[in-house]
Structure formats: C-alpha cells, structure tokens
Amino acid sequence: MPAGWIIGAALVAILAGALLWAAGRWLAGSWEVLDDDQLTERLAPRGASQSAAVWLRVRGWFAGGPRRLTYRRDKLGRFRRIRR
C-alpha cells in the first residue's frame, strides 16, 4: 500500500503543473504592448485626462531644474527627440 500515496502525490503534482502551465499561457496571451500615449489613455479615468494634464503642467512650473530630453515615436515609427 505505500505505492498508493506516491501515485496520488504524483497525480496531484501533475495536476498542479498543468494548472500552472494553463495560467501561464493565459497570462502570456492577455498582455499587450502599449505606447506612451496609449498608456496614459488607459490609466486615466474617463474625463480625467484634461485635469491630469493641467496638474502635470502646474507641477512642472515648481519643479525647477533643466528640461529633460525624451524620445517619442512619430507616425512612421521612428524615434524623435522631444524636449519636455
């Protein structure tokens, strides 16, 4: 009878592995790549995009320091420098 619990433990391990594999496949399929503009649209609640932009602009007045140089994609997908 000692082989019975070994077989049961093996079946539980196989079932747990299959569940982890299925969860990993679902998680990998549910991800999507977002651009910077899409990210702000997705994270901002409806109607709050204008107020968030105003808040960031006001915060920038008091931050001081040099302006940072950032890169964004243009319509053709090339990276272009944009001063913020």
N, C-alpha and C. Protein backbone atom coordinates (compact mmCIF):
# COMPACT_ATOMS: atom_id res chain seq x y z
N MET A 1 0.79 -1.21 0.00
CA MET A 1 0.00 0.00 0.00
C MET A 1 0.83 1.28 0.00
N PRO A 2 2.12 1.25 0.27
CA PRO A 2 2.86 2.51 0.27
C PRO A 2 2.93 3.14 -1.12
N ALA A 3 2.72 2.38 -2.16
CA ALA A 3 2.79 2.93 -3.51
C ALA A 3 1.56 3.78 -3.84
N GLY A 4 0.47 3.59 -3.10
CA GLY A 4 -0.76 4.34 -3.36
C GLY A 4 -0.61 5.83 -3.12
N TRP A 5 0.03 6.21 -2.03
CA TRP A 5 0.17 7.65 -1.75
C TRP A 5 1.20 8.28 -2.68
N ILE A 6 2.17 7.49 -3.15
CA ILE A 6 3.15 8.02 -4.11
C ILE A 6 2.46 8.33 -5.44
N ILE A 7 1.58 7.42 -5.87
CA ILE A 7 0.84 7.65 -7.12
C ILE A 7 -0.09 8.86 -6.95
N GLY A 8 -0.75 8.97 -5.81
CA GLY A 8 -1.62 10.12 -5.54
C GLY A 8 -0.86 11.43 -5.53
N ALA A 9 0.32 11.42 -4.89
CA ALA A 9 1.14 12.63 -4.85
C ALA A 9 1.62 13.01 -6.26
N ALA A 10 1.95 12.01 -7.07
CA ALA A 10 2.38 12.27 -8.45
C ALA A 10 1.24 12.87 -9.26
N LEU A 11 0.04 12.33 -9.08
CA LEU A 11 -1.11 12.88 -9.81
C LEU A 11 -1.41 14.32 -9.38
N VAL A 12 -1.31 14.60 -8.09
CA VAL A 12 -1.52 15.97 -7.60
C VAL A 12 -0.45 16.90 -8.17
N ALA A 13 0.80 16.44 -8.22
CA ALA A 13 1.88 17.26 -8.78
C ALA A 13 1.66 17.52 -10.27
N ILE A 14 1.22 16.50 -11.00
CA ILE A 14 0.95 16.68 -12.43
C ILE A 14 -0.21 17.65 -12.64
N LEU A 15 -1.25 17.53 -11.82
CA LEU A 15 -2.40 18.44 -11.92
C LEU A 15 -1.99 19.87 -11.59
N ALA A 16 -1.18 20.04 -10.56
CA ALA A 16 -0.72 21.40 -10.20
C ALA A 16 0.15 21.98 -11.31
N GLY A 17 1.00 21.17 -11.91
CA GLY A 17 1.83 21.63 -13.02
C GLY A 17 0.99 22.04 -14.22
N ALA A 18 -0.06 21.25 -14.50
CA ALA A 18 -0.94 21.58 -15.63
C ALA A 18 -1.70 22.88 -15.37
N LEU A 19 -2.13 23.09 -14.13
CA LEU A 19 -2.82 24.35 -13.79
C LEU A 19 -1.88 25.54 -13.90
N LEU A 20 -0.65 25.38 -13.43
CA LEU A 20 0.33 26.47 -13.56
C LEU A 20 0.64 26.76 -15.02
N TRP A 21 0.76 25.73 -15.83
CA TRP A 21 1.04 25.92 -17.26
C TRP A 21 -0.12 26.66 -17.93
N ALA A 22 -1.37 26.25 -17.62
CA ALA A 22 -2.54 26.91 -18.22
C ALA A 22 -2.64 28.36 -17.76
N ALA A 23 -2.34 28.63 -16.50
CA ALA A 23 -2.38 30.01 -16.01
C ALA A 23 -1.30 30.84 -16.69
N GLY A 24 -0.13 30.26 -16.88
CA GLY A 24 0.95 30.98 -17.58
C GLY A 24 0.61 31.29 -19.02
N ARG A 25 -0.01 30.34 -19.71
CA ARG A 25 -0.44 30.58 -21.10
C ARG A 25 -1.48 31.68 -21.17
N TRP A 26 -2.44 31.68 -20.24
CA TRP A 26 -3.48 32.71 -20.22
C TRP A 26 -2.86 34.08 -19.94
N LEU A 27 -1.94 34.13 -18.98
CA LEU A 27 -1.31 35.40 -18.64
C LEU A 27 -0.47 35.93 -19.79
N ALA A 28 0.27 35.07 -20.47
CA ALA A 28 1.09 35.49 -21.60
C ALA A 28 0.21 35.99 -22.75
N GLY A 29 -0.95 35.42 -22.93
CA GLY A 29 -1.84 35.86 -24.00
C GLY A 29 -2.60 37.13 -23.68
N SER A 30 -2.71 37.47 -22.41
CA SER A 30 -3.51 38.64 -22.05
C SER A 30 -2.68 39.92 -22.00
N TRP A 31 -1.38 39.86 -22.18
CA TRP A 31 -0.53 41.05 -22.15
C TRP A 31 -0.56 41.71 -23.52
N GLU A 32 -0.42 43.04 -23.54
CA GLU A 32 -0.27 43.76 -24.80
C GLU A 32 0.71 44.90 -24.62
N VAL A 33 1.38 45.26 -25.69
CA VAL A 33 2.38 46.32 -25.66
C VAL A 33 1.67 47.65 -25.88
N LEU A 34 1.91 48.61 -24.98
CA LEU A 34 1.29 49.92 -25.08
C LEU A 34 2.33 50.98 -25.35
N ASP A 35 2.00 51.93 -26.20
CA ASP A 35 2.85 53.09 -26.43
C ASP A 35 2.63 54.08 -25.29
N ASP A 36 3.46 55.11 -25.19
CA ASP A 36 3.32 56.09 -24.11
C ASP A 36 1.95 56.75 -24.11
N ASP A 37 1.48 57.15 -25.28
CA ASP A 37 0.18 57.82 -25.37
C ASP A 37 -0.96 56.88 -25.00
N GLN A 38 -0.86 55.64 -25.43
CA GLN A 38 -1.89 54.66 -25.10
C GLN A 38 -1.90 54.37 -23.60
N LEU A 39 -0.73 54.39 -22.99
CA LEU A 39 -0.65 54.10 -21.56
C LEU A 39 -1.38 55.16 -20.75
N THR A 40 -1.17 56.44 -21.07
CA THR A 40 -1.86 57.49 -20.32
C THR A 40 -3.36 57.43 -20.56
N GLU A 41 -3.78 57.07 -21.77
CA GLU A 41 -5.22 56.95 -22.04
C GLU A 41 -5.83 55.80 -21.27
N ARG A 42 -5.12 54.69 -21.15
CA ARG A 42 -5.66 53.52 -20.46
C ARG A 42 -5.70 53.73 -18.95
N LEU A 43 -4.68 54.39 -18.40
CA LEU A 43 -4.60 54.54 -16.95
C LEU A 43 -5.49 55.66 -16.42
N ALA A 44 -5.76 56.67 -17.24
CA ALA A 44 -6.57 57.79 -16.78
C ALA A 44 -8.05 57.41 -16.80
N PRO A 45 -8.79 57.75 -15.75
CA PRO A 45 -10.23 57.51 -15.80
C PRO A 45 -10.90 58.41 -16.83
N ARG A 46 -12.09 58.06 -17.24
CA ARG A 46 -12.80 58.83 -18.27
C ARG A 46 -13.01 60.27 -17.82
N GLY A 47 -12.66 61.23 -18.66
CA GLY A 47 -12.86 62.63 -18.36
C GLY A 47 -11.79 63.24 -17.49
N ALA A 48 -10.84 62.46 -17.01
CA ALA A 48 -9.82 62.99 -16.11
C ALA A 48 -8.52 63.33 -16.84
N SER A 49 -8.47 63.09 -18.15
CA SER A 49 -7.22 63.33 -18.87
C SER A 49 -6.87 64.81 -18.90
N GLN A 50 -7.87 65.67 -19.03
CA GLN A 50 -7.59 67.09 -19.06
C GLN A 50 -7.09 67.58 -17.71
N SER A 51 -7.71 67.15 -16.62
CA SER A 51 -7.28 67.61 -15.30
C SER A 51 -5.89 67.08 -14.96
N ALA A 52 -5.56 65.86 -15.41
CA ALA A 52 -4.23 65.32 -15.16
C ALA A 52 -3.18 66.12 -15.91
N ALA A 53 -3.49 66.53 -17.14
CA ALA A 53 -2.54 67.33 -17.91
C ALA A 53 -2.31 68.68 -17.26
N VAL A 54 -3.37 69.29 -16.76
CA VAL A 54 -3.23 70.58 -16.08
C VAL A 54 -2.38 70.42 -14.82
N TRP A 55 -2.63 69.36 -14.05
CA TRP A 55 -1.86 69.13 -12.82
C TRP A 55 -0.38 68.92 -13.15
N LEU A 56 -0.07 68.17 -14.18
CA LEU A 56 1.33 67.96 -14.54
C LEU A 56 1.99 69.25 -15.00
N ARG A 57 1.27 70.10 -15.71
CA ARG A 57 1.82 71.37 -16.15
C ARG A 57 2.11 72.28 -14.96
N VAL A 58 1.17 72.35 -14.01
CA VAL A 58 1.37 73.19 -12.82
C VAL A 58 2.53 72.65 -11.99
N ARG A 59 2.62 71.35 -11.85
CA ARG A 59 3.71 70.76 -11.09
C ARG A 59 5.06 71.05 -11.75
N GLY A 60 5.08 71.11 -13.08
CA GLY A 60 6.32 71.40 -13.79
C GLY A 60 6.83 72.81 -13.56
N TRP A 61 5.93 73.75 -13.28
CA TRP A 61 6.36 75.12 -13.02
C TRP A 61 7.20 75.20 -11.75
N PHE A 62 6.85 74.40 -10.75
CA PHE A 62 7.52 74.49 -9.46
C PHE A 62 8.67 73.50 -9.31
N ALA A 63 8.87 72.63 -10.29
CA ALA A 63 9.90 71.60 -10.17
C ALA A 63 11.30 72.19 -10.32
N GLY A 64 11.46 73.16 -11.21
CA GLY A 64 12.78 73.74 -11.43
C GLY A 64 13.70 72.76 -12.14
N GLY A 65 14.95 73.13 -12.27
CA GLY A 65 15.93 72.24 -12.90
C GLY A 65 15.84 72.31 -14.41
N PRO A 66 16.80 71.67 -15.08
CA PRO A 66 16.82 71.69 -16.54
C PRO A 66 15.70 70.83 -17.13
N ARG A 67 15.31 71.17 -18.32
CA ARG A 67 14.30 70.38 -19.01
C ARG A 67 14.93 69.08 -19.49
N ARG A 68 14.19 68.01 -19.41
CA ARG A 68 14.71 66.72 -19.81
C ARG A 68 14.46 66.46 -21.29
N LEU A 69 15.35 65.71 -21.88
CA LEU A 69 15.22 65.35 -23.28
C LEU A 69 14.66 63.93 -23.35
N THR A 70 13.55 63.77 -24.03
CA THR A 70 12.93 62.45 -24.15
C THR A 70 12.76 62.09 -25.62
N TYR A 71 12.45 60.87 -25.86
CA TYR A 71 12.26 60.37 -27.21
C TYR A 71 10.85 59.81 -27.35
N ARG A 72 10.24 60.05 -28.49
CA ARG A 72 8.91 59.51 -28.80
C ARG A 72 8.90 59.02 -30.23
N ARG A 73 7.97 58.15 -30.52
CA ARG A 73 7.83 57.66 -31.89
C ARG A 73 6.96 58.62 -32.70
N ASP A 74 7.34 58.83 -33.95
CA ASP A 74 6.50 59.63 -34.83
C ASP A 74 5.52 58.69 -35.56
N LYS A 75 4.80 59.23 -36.55
CA LYS A 75 3.78 58.43 -37.24
C LYS A 75 4.37 57.26 -38.02
N LEU A 76 5.62 57.38 -38.42
CA LEU A 76 6.26 56.31 -39.19
C LEU A 76 6.98 55.30 -38.31
N GLY A 77 6.96 55.51 -36.98
CA GLY A 77 7.57 54.56 -36.06
C GLY A 77 9.01 54.87 -35.72
N ARG A 78 9.55 56.00 -36.21
CA ARG A 78 10.93 56.36 -35.90
C ARG A 78 10.97 57.12 -34.58
N PHE A 79 12.09 57.01 -33.85
CA PHE A 79 12.24 57.76 -32.62
C PHE A 79 12.72 59.18 -32.92
N ARG A 80 12.06 60.14 -32.31
CA ARG A 80 12.42 61.55 -32.47
C ARG A 80 12.61 62.18 -31.09
N ARG A 81 13.55 63.13 -31.01
CA ARG A 81 13.79 63.80 -29.74
C ARG A 81 12.71 64.87 -29.51
N ILE A 82 12.22 64.91 -28.29
CA ILE A 82 11.22 65.92 -27.91
C ILE A 82 11.64 66.51 -26.58
N ARG A 83 11.70 67.83 -26.52
CA ARG A 83 12.03 68.48 -25.24
C ARG A 83 10.78 68.58 -24.41
N ARG A 84 10.91 68.28 -23.14
CA ARG A 84 9.78 68.39 -22.22
C ARG A 84 9.99 69.54 -21.29
